[in-house]
Protein backbone atom coordinates (compact mmCIF):
# COMPACT_ATOMS: atom_id res chain seq x y z
CA MET A 1 -2.28 -15.17 -11.20
CA ALA A 2 -3.05 -17.99 -13.58
CA ASP A 3 -6.78 -17.14 -13.77
CA GLY A 4 -6.18 -13.76 -15.40
CA GLY A 5 -6.03 -11.96 -12.06
CA PRO A 6 -3.67 -9.09 -11.29
CA VAL A 7 0.06 -9.47 -11.75
CA PRO A 8 2.17 -7.36 -9.40
CA ILE A 9 5.07 -5.23 -10.52
CA ARG A 10 7.86 -6.15 -8.14
CA ALA A 11 11.03 -4.34 -7.12
CA ALA A 12 14.25 -6.36 -7.02
CA ALA A 13 15.36 -4.38 -3.97
CA LEU A 14 12.50 -5.94 -1.97
CA GLU A 15 13.09 -9.53 -3.07
CA GLY A 16 12.09 -11.75 -0.16
CA VAL A 17 9.40 -9.34 1.06
CA PRO A 18 5.86 -9.92 -0.23
CA HIS A 19 5.09 -6.73 -2.16
CA GLY A 20 3.88 -5.38 -5.44
CA PHE A 21 2.47 -2.45 -7.36
CA PHE A 22 -0.65 -2.91 -9.45
CA GLY A 23 -2.30 -1.19 -12.39
CA ARG A 24 -5.88 -1.73 -13.53
CA GLN A 25 -5.39 -5.19 -15.06
CA GLY A 26 -7.03 -8.19 -13.45
CA GLY A 27 -9.89 -6.51 -11.61
CA VAL A 28 -13.68 -6.66 -11.73
CA SER A 29 -14.71 -3.00 -11.42
CA THR A 30 -16.61 -1.42 -14.30
CA GLY A 31 -17.38 2.04 -15.66
CA ASP A 32 -15.10 4.98 -14.87
CA VAL A 33 -13.15 2.86 -12.36
CA ALA A 34 -12.92 -0.25 -14.56
CA GLY A 35 -10.38 -2.84 -13.59
CA LEU A 36 -8.47 -3.40 -10.37
CA GLN A 37 -9.86 -0.52 -8.31
CA VAL A 38 -9.10 -1.16 -4.61
CA GLY A 39 -10.13 2.14 -3.00
CA PHE A 40 -13.44 2.51 -1.20
CA GLY A 41 -13.44 6.27 -1.81
CA ALA A 42 -13.75 6.18 -5.60
CA GLY A 43 -17.50 5.59 -5.84
CA ASP A 44 -17.04 1.98 -6.91
CA ASP A 45 -19.36 -0.88 -5.96
CA PRO A 46 -18.14 -2.06 -2.52
CA ASP A 47 -18.46 -5.72 -3.58
CA SER A 48 -16.16 -5.04 -6.55
CA VAL A 49 -13.61 -3.32 -4.30
CA THR A 50 -13.73 -6.25 -1.89
CA GLU A 51 -13.19 -8.74 -4.73
CA ASN A 52 -10.34 -6.64 -6.17
CA ARG A 53 -8.68 -6.55 -2.75
CA ARG A 54 -9.08 -10.32 -2.46
CA ARG A 55 -7.33 -10.68 -5.81
CA VAL A 56 -4.46 -8.42 -4.73
CA ILE A 57 -3.98 -10.44 -1.54
CA ALA A 58 -4.03 -13.71 -3.52
CA ALA A 59 -1.36 -12.33 -5.87
CA LEU A 60 0.94 -11.22 -3.04
CA LEU A 61 0.46 -13.40 0.03
CA PRO A 62 -2.54 -15.75 -0.08
CA GLY A 63 -4.42 -15.80 3.20
CA ALA A 64 -2.92 -12.53 4.45
CA GLY A 65 -4.84 -9.69 6.01
CA LEU A 66 -4.84 -6.22 4.45
CA ALA A 67 -4.68 -2.79 6.05
CA MET A 68 -5.15 0.39 4.02
CA PRO A 69 -5.68 3.94 5.31
CA PHE A 70 -8.27 6.60 4.60
CA GLN A 71 -5.76 8.91 2.91
CA VAL A 72 -5.88 12.61 3.74
CA HIS A 73 -2.65 14.10 2.26
CA SER A 74 -0.95 14.46 5.63
CA PRO A 75 2.37 13.62 7.32
CA ASP A 76 0.54 11.24 9.66
CA VAL A 77 1.42 7.57 10.15
CA ALA A 78 -0.44 4.76 11.92
CA VAL A 79 0.87 1.47 13.26
CA VAL A 80 -1.40 -1.44 12.37
CA SER A 81 -1.37 -4.99 13.66
CA ALA A 82 -4.58 -6.29 12.09
CA PRO A 83 -6.60 -5.79 8.91
CA VAL A 84 -8.57 -2.54 8.79
CA GLU A 85 -11.45 -1.72 6.46
CA GLY A 86 -14.26 0.76 6.04
CA ASP A 87 -14.79 3.35 8.76
CA ASP A 88 -12.07 1.75 10.91
CA ARG A 89 -9.35 2.91 8.53
CA PRO A 90 -6.99 5.40 10.16
CA ARG A 91 -6.98 8.87 8.55
CA VAL A 92 -3.28 8.94 7.64
CA ASP A 93 -1.00 8.68 4.63
CA ALA A 94 1.30 5.92 5.79
CA LEU A 95 0.90 2.61 7.57
CA VAL A 96 3.62 0.57 9.22
CA SER A 97 3.49 -2.88 10.74
CA ALA A 98 5.59 -5.59 12.34
CA THR A 99 2.79 -8.17 12.15
CA PRO A 100 3.61 -11.28 10.07
CA GLY A 101 0.93 -12.09 7.52
CA LEU A 102 -0.39 -8.53 7.30
CA LEU A 103 -0.10 -6.57 4.07
CA VAL A 104 -0.16 -2.76 4.18
CA GLY A 105 -1.04 -0.70 1.15
CA VAL A 106 -1.99 2.66 -0.24
CA VAL A 107 -3.93 3.83 -3.28
CA THR A 108 -2.43 6.35 -5.68
CA ALA A 109 -3.40 8.18 -8.83
CA ASP A 110 -1.03 11.08 -9.48
CA CYS A 111 0.80 10.60 -6.16
CA ALA A 112 3.62 8.09 -5.68
CA PRO A 113 3.42 4.89 -3.68
CA VAL A 114 6.49 4.18 -1.56
CA LEU A 115 7.09 0.79 0.04
CA LEU A 116 9.52 0.45 2.94
CA ALA A 117 10.94 -2.68 4.56
CA ASP A 118 13.53 -3.70 7.10
CA GLU A 119 13.42 -7.38 6.25
CA GLU A 120 15.65 -8.45 9.13
CA ALA A 121 13.52 -6.64 11.72
CA GLY A 122 10.28 -7.72 10.03
CA VAL A 123 8.94 -4.17 9.82
CA ILE A 124 7.19 -2.85 6.71
CA GLY A 125 5.53 0.36 5.60
CA ALA A 126 3.47 1.82 2.79
CA VAL A 127 3.43 5.56 2.11
CA HIS A 128 1.02 7.60 0.00
CA ALA A 129 3.53 10.22 -1.17
CA GLY A 130 1.46 13.14 -2.36
CA TRP A 131 3.15 16.51 -2.55
CA LYS A 132 1.45 17.86 0.59
CA GLY A 133 2.36 14.85 2.70
CA VAL A 134 5.91 14.67 1.36
CA LEU A 135 6.48 18.35 2.00
CA ALA A 136 5.15 17.88 5.54
CA GLY A 137 7.42 14.85 6.17
CA VAL A 138 5.29 11.72 5.73
CA ALA A 139 8.23 9.62 4.49
CA GLU A 140 10.45 10.66 7.39
CA ALA A 141 7.61 10.05 9.83
CA ALA A 142 7.10 6.54 8.41
CA VAL A 143 10.79 5.72 8.90
CA GLU A 144 10.71 7.05 12.48
CA THR A 145 7.59 5.01 13.21
CA MET A 146 9.26 1.92 11.77
CA ARG A 147 12.26 2.57 14.04
CA GLY A 148 9.85 2.57 16.96
CA LEU A 149 8.89 -1.00 15.98
CA GLY A 150 12.50 -2.18 15.89
CA ALA A 151 13.64 -1.28 12.38
CA GLU A 152 17.03 0.32 11.87
CA ALA A 153 17.13 3.27 9.48
CA GLU A 154 20.23 2.00 7.67
CA CYS A 155 18.50 -1.36 7.07
CA ILE A 156 15.29 0.07 5.58
CA THR A 157 14.92 -0.41 1.84
CA ALA A 158 12.61 2.01 0.05
CA VAL A 159 11.13 1.62 -3.41
CA ILE A 160 9.01 4.12 -5.30
CA GLY A 161 6.25 2.68 -7.42
CA PRO A 162 4.73 3.81 -10.69
CA CYS A 163 3.19 7.26 -10.74
CA ILE A 164 2.08 9.95 -13.15
CA GLN A 165 4.67 11.77 -15.27
CA GLN A 166 4.80 15.45 -16.20
CA ALA A 167 3.70 14.74 -19.78
CA SER A 168 0.69 12.83 -18.43
């Protein structure tokens, strides 16, 4: 963003699909969660989280809605067709959607974010890939849920975003 807002890290494999991974740069949160903190569960000021989410949307797909889960380290997946916030967030570790103009996202720290898309079918997914959820099959469940919305497994592109390294 030209105003010093967040700049997404994009994956060439998802060119043509609005997507991105973000670090802390370009946000308004302060203190221990300074920067672009978009999770409501981190003890941040809710107004700062809302503004940070607005900035993420503006950087990816201005005017879009945003759906993010209440992550619980599970293999569970929810289908979303509208923005979800606050207590309405499904308690899952992956969201999938076939709704144009809706962004889906997850928050990670030491877990990996995985974005999925079947561009032709118009079906997307975001997976919080923590070790418990991965071991229990969250990625496979997300693909199966996407197939239920019309995606074809062989047409789904998956990209893994930045995450913590062993030395970190």
